[in-house]
Amino acid sequence: IFGGLLSASCLGALLLARECHAAHEFTAVDARSTAFALLNPFKKVPTLRTADGVVIGESAAILRFVAARFGPKHLYPAGVDAGACARIDFAIDAFANEGCVRGHTAVVLSILGFAKAPDDLPAECARYELACEQWCALF
């Protein structure tokens, strides 16, 4: 798994690989580099390259792949239960798009000094907390 050390998207891929007991390594990369662009021309992290040469970008696609290929079938029952897979897809996409990852960037990275603080940090913290609470309540 190629990524950035403070990337919430990379963390998800790493945690799932560990949960699935999939052999994996993490390589910190400069996503803007020409060398990395040869692996992922969109220059986005995380990017996964398997031992057999499969290369996948986008955290949600990586999560689905790792769960389907390495995880117990209940994690992502591809080909068995389309409804369960759709619910899992909904949870992954909602987490990625609705506040949790954006909140992580706005709140956590700014507090750590890796991003400019939002104009109204308390409001961003409240929005981030609400998004995480809503996600947890639904899934």
C-alpha atoms as a PDB file:
ATOM      1  CA  ILE A   1       0.000   0.000   0.000  1.00  0.00           C
ATOM      2  CA  PHE A   2       1.480   3.301  -1.111  1.00  0.00           C
ATOM      3  CA  GLY A   3       0.356   6.396   0.718  1.00  0.00           C
ATOM      4  CA  GLY A   4       0.851   9.298   3.033  1.00  0.00           C
ATOM      5  CA  LEU A   5       1.543   8.898   6.724  1.00  0.00           C
ATOM      6  CA  LEU A   6      -1.303  11.213   7.803  1.00  0.00           C
ATOM      7  CA  SER A   7      -3.868  10.140   5.238  1.00  0.00           C
ATOM      8  CA  ALA A   8      -7.170   8.932   6.710  1.00  0.00           C
ATOM      9  CA  SER A   9      -7.836   7.139   3.419  1.00  0.00           C
ATOM     10  CA  CYS A  10      -4.572   5.225   3.701  1.00  0.00           C
ATOM     11  CA  LEU A  11      -5.299   4.326   7.302  1.00  0.00           C
ATOM     12  CA  GLY A  12      -8.524   2.570   6.305  1.00  0.00           C
ATOM     13  CA  ALA A  13      -6.724   0.416   3.747  1.00  0.00           C
ATOM     14  CA  LEU A  14      -4.009  -0.481   6.239  1.00  0.00           C
ATOM     15  CA  LEU A  15      -6.467  -1.325   9.002  1.00  0.00           C
ATOM     16  CA  LEU A  16      -8.537  -3.561   6.741  1.00  0.00           C
ATOM     17  CA  ALA A  17      -5.458  -5.363   5.396  1.00  0.00           C
ATOM     18  CA  ARG A  18      -4.447  -6.051   8.987  1.00  0.00           C
ATOM     19  CA  GLU A  19      -7.977  -7.138   9.960  1.00  0.00           C
ATOM     20  CA  CYS A  20      -8.039  -9.571   7.010  1.00  0.00           C
ATOM     21  CA  HIS A  21      -4.577 -10.927   7.889  1.00  0.00           C
ATOM     22  CA  ALA A  22      -3.431 -10.004   4.373  1.00  0.00           C
ATOM     23  CA  ALA A  23       0.320  -9.779   3.974  1.00  0.00           C
ATOM     24  CA  HIS A  24       1.047  -6.108   3.318  1.00  0.00           C
ATOM     25  CA  GLU A  25       3.663  -3.388   3.487  1.00  0.00           C
ATOM     26  CA  PHE A  26       3.238   0.367   3.679  1.00  0.00           C
ATOM     27  CA  THR A  27       5.411   2.621   1.559  1.00  0.00           C
ATOM     28  CA  ALA A  28       5.272   6.359   2.188  1.00  0.00           C
ATOM     29  CA  VAL A  29       5.352   8.204  -1.128  1.00  0.00           C
ATOM     30  CA  ASP A  30       5.359  11.704  -2.547  1.00  0.00           C
ATOM     31  CA  ALA A  31       2.163  11.482  -4.570  1.00  0.00           C
ATOM     32  CA  ARG A  32       3.311  14.372  -6.759  1.00  0.00           C
ATOM     33  CA  SER A  33       6.428  12.575  -7.941  1.00  0.00           C
ATOM     34  CA  THR A  34       6.974  11.352 -11.477  1.00  0.00           C
ATOM     35  CA  ALA A  35       7.918   7.911 -10.148  1.00  0.00           C
ATOM     36  CA  PHE A  36       4.597   7.557  -8.312  1.00  0.00           C
ATOM     37  CA  ALA A  37       2.688   8.783 -11.392  1.00  0.00           C
ATOM     38  CA  LEU A  38       3.958   5.681 -13.216  1.00  0.00           C
ATOM     39  CA  LEU A  39       2.074   3.588 -10.666  1.00  0.00           C
ATOM     40  CA  ASN A  40      -1.012   5.831 -10.392  1.00  0.00           C
ATOM     41  CA  PRO A  41      -1.290   8.522 -13.070  1.00  0.00           C
ATOM     42  CA  PHE A  42      -3.935  10.323 -10.988  1.00  0.00           C
ATOM     43  CA  LYS A  43      -1.276  10.803  -8.281  1.00  0.00           C
ATOM     44  CA  LYS A  44      -3.659   9.915  -5.449  1.00  0.00           C
ATOM     45  CA  VAL A  45      -3.090   7.904  -2.295  1.00  0.00           C
ATOM     46  CA  PRO A  46      -3.697   5.271  -1.273  1.00  0.00           C
ATOM     47  CA  THR A  47      -2.685   3.059  -4.135  1.00  0.00           C
ATOM     48  CA  LEU A  48      -2.439  -0.697  -3.790  1.00  0.00           C
ATOM     49  CA  ARG A  49      -0.148  -2.987  -5.761  1.00  0.00           C
ATOM     50  CA  THR A  50      -0.511  -6.691  -5.088  1.00  0.00           C
ATOM     51  CA  ALA A  51       2.184  -9.318  -5.402  1.00  0.00           C
ATOM     52  CA  ASP A  52       0.523 -10.553  -8.594  1.00  0.00           C
ATOM     53  CA  GLY A  53       0.574  -7.087 -10.183  1.00  0.00           C
ATOM     54  CA  VAL A  54      -2.950  -5.771  -9.573  1.00  0.00           C
ATOM     55  CA  VAL A  55      -2.813  -1.976  -9.145  1.00  0.00           C
ATOM     56  CA  ILE A  56      -5.792  -0.132  -7.663  1.00  0.00           C
ATOM     57  CA  GLY A  57      -6.260   3.485  -6.655  1.00  0.00           C
ATOM     58  CA  GLU A  58      -9.030   5.123  -4.603  1.00  0.00           C
ATOM     59  CA  SER A  59      -9.538   4.100  -1.013  1.00  0.00           C
ATOM     60  CA  ALA A  60     -13.082   2.757  -1.456  1.00  0.00           C
ATOM     61  CA  ALA A  61     -12.025   0.520  -4.356  1.00  0.00           C
ATOM     62  CA  ILE A  62      -9.092  -0.746  -2.298  1.00  0.00           C
ATOM     63  CA  LEU A  63     -11.355  -1.505   0.680  1.00  0.00           C
ATOM     64  CA  ARG A  64     -13.747  -3.478  -1.506  1.00  0.00           C
ATOM     65  CA  PHE A  65     -10.912  -5.388  -3.170  1.00  0.00           C
ATOM     66  CA  VAL A  66      -9.131  -6.267   0.078  1.00  0.00           C
ATOM     67  CA  ALA A  67     -12.363  -7.378   1.755  1.00  0.00           C
ATOM     68  CA  ALA A  68     -13.437  -9.477  -1.242  1.00  0.00           C
ATOM     69  CA  ARG A  69     -10.035 -11.047  -1.880  1.00  0.00           C
ATOM     70  CA  PHE A  70      -8.601 -11.528   1.591  1.00  0.00           C
ATOM     71  CA  GLY A  71     -11.385 -11.126   4.121  1.00  0.00           C
ATOM     72  CA  PRO A  72     -13.909 -13.445   5.622  1.00  0.00           C
ATOM     73  CA  LYS A  73     -16.949 -13.581   3.332  1.00  0.00           C
ATOM     74  CA  HIS A  74     -19.145 -11.636   5.775  1.00  0.00           C
ATOM     75  CA  LEU A  75     -16.973  -8.549   5.251  1.00  0.00           C
ATOM     76  CA  TYR A  76     -17.937  -8.250   1.579  1.00  0.00           C
ATOM     77  CA  PRO A  77     -20.062 -11.141   0.271  1.00  0.00           C
ATOM     78  CA  ALA A  78     -19.480 -10.409  -3.417  1.00  0.00           C
ATOM     79  CA  GLY A  79     -21.427 -12.754  -5.677  1.00  0.00           C
ATOM     80  CA  VAL A  80     -23.435 -14.020  -2.707  1.00  0.00           C
ATOM     81  CA  ASP A  81     -25.479 -11.154  -1.260  1.00  0.00           C
ATOM     82  CA  ALA A  82     -25.900  -8.078  -3.470  1.00  0.00           C
ATOM     83  CA  GLY A  83     -27.969  -6.307  -0.792  1.00  0.00           C
ATOM     84  CA  ALA A  84     -25.271  -6.718   1.833  1.00  0.00           C
ATOM     85  CA  CYS A  85     -22.622  -5.498  -0.625  1.00  0.00           C
ATOM     86  CA  ALA A  86     -24.756  -2.465  -1.480  1.00  0.00           C
ATOM     87  CA  ARG A  87     -25.127  -1.610   2.224  1.00  0.00           C
ATOM     88  CA  ILE A  88     -21.363  -1.938   2.688  1.00  0.00           C
ATOM     89  CA  ASP A  89     -20.801   0.238  -0.401  1.00  0.00           C
ATOM     90  CA  PHE A  90     -23.186   2.828   1.057  1.00  0.00           C
ATOM     91  CA  ALA A  91     -21.240   2.858   4.339  1.00  0.00           C
ATOM     92  CA  ILE A  92     -17.858   3.174   2.604  1.00  0.00           C
ATOM     93  CA  ASP A  93     -19.009   5.936   0.261  1.00  0.00           C
ATOM     94  CA  ALA A  94     -20.855   7.828   2.995  1.00  0.00           C
ATOM     95  CA  PHE A  95     -17.794   7.741   5.210  1.00  0.00           C
ATOM     96  CA  ALA A  96     -15.576   8.945   2.378  1.00  0.00           C
ATOM     97  CA  ASN A  97     -17.920  11.661   1.163  1.00  0.00           C
ATOM     98  CA  GLU A  98     -20.048  12.885   4.029  1.00  0.00           C
ATOM     99  CA  GLY A  99     -17.906  14.623   6.531  1.00  0.00           C
ATOM    100  CA  CYS A 100     -15.721  12.031   8.116  1.00  0.00           C
ATOM    101  CA  VAL A 101     -12.788  12.221   5.717  1.00  0.00           C
ATOM    102  CA  ARG A 102     -13.427  15.911   4.958  1.00  0.00           C
ATOM    103  CA  GLY A 103     -13.726  16.519   8.690  1.00  0.00           C
ATOM    104  CA  HIS A 104     -10.490  14.676   9.293  1.00  0.00           C
ATOM    105  CA  THR A 105      -8.742  16.982   6.847  1.00  0.00           C
ATOM    106  CA  ALA A 106     -10.333  20.180   8.185  1.00  0.00           C
ATOM    107  CA  VAL A 107     -10.033  19.355  11.869  1.00  0.00           C
ATOM    108  CA  VAL A 108      -7.336  16.786  12.622  1.00  0.00           C
ATOM    109  CA  LEU A 109      -4.735  17.884  10.088  1.00  0.00           C
ATOM    110  CA  SER A 110      -5.178  21.543  10.997  1.00  0.00           C
ATOM    111  CA  ILE A 111      -4.824  20.779  14.717  1.00  0.00           C
ATOM    112  CA  LEU A 112      -1.638  18.842  13.973  1.00  0.00           C
ATOM    113  CA  GLY A 113      -0.365  21.789  11.921  1.00  0.00           C
ATOM    114  CA  PHE A 114      -0.435  20.046   8.533  1.00  0.00           C
ATOM    115  CA  ALA A 115      -3.262  22.117   7.059  1.00  0.00           C
ATOM    116  CA  LYS A 116      -4.564  25.651   7.370  1.00  0.00           C
ATOM    117  CA  ALA A 117      -7.083  25.923  10.182  1.00  0.00           C
ATOM    118  CA  PRO A 118     -10.659  26.508   9.042  1.00  0.00           C
ATOM    119  CA  ASP A 119     -12.082  29.972   9.640  1.00  0.00           C
ATOM    120  CA  ASP A 120     -14.395  28.589  12.344  1.00  0.00           C
ATOM    121  CA  LEU A 121     -12.658  25.595  13.925  1.00  0.00           C
ATOM    122  CA  PRO A 122     -15.329  24.997  16.631  1.00  0.00           C
ATOM    123  CA  ALA A 123     -18.040  24.850  13.943  1.00  0.00           C
ATOM    124  CA  GLU A 124     -15.935  22.427  11.860  1.00  0.00           C
ATOM    125  CA  CYS A 125     -15.349  20.266  14.941  1.00  0.00           C
ATOM    126  CA  ALA A 126     -19.096  20.178  15.601  1.00  0.00           C
ATOM    127  CA  ARG A 127     -19.842  19.313  11.956  1.00  0.00           C
ATOM    128  CA  TYR A 128     -17.207  16.566  12.020  1.00  0.00           C
ATOM    129  CA  GLU A 129     -18.599  15.136  15.255  1.00  0.00           C
ATOM    130  CA  LEU A 130     -22.168  15.190  13.916  1.00  0.00           C
ATOM    131  CA  ALA A 131     -21.134  13.474  10.660  1.00  0.00           C
ATOM    132  CA  CYS A 132     -19.349  10.716  12.598  1.00  0.00           C
ATOM    133  CA  GLU A 133     -22.322  10.287  14.966  1.00  0.00           C
ATOM    134  CA  GLN A 134     -24.749  10.039  12.053  1.00  0.00           C
ATOM    135  CA  TRP A 135     -22.556   7.496  10.305  1.00  0.00           C
ATOM    136  CA  CYS A 136     -22.212   5.375  13.441  1.00  0.00           C
ATOM    137  CA  ALA A 137     -25.954   5.500  14.108  1.00  0.00           C
ATOM    138  CA  LEU A 138     -26.774   4.393  10.570  1.00  0.00           C
ATOM    139  CA  PHE A 139     -24.170   1.695  10.151  1.00  0.00           C
END
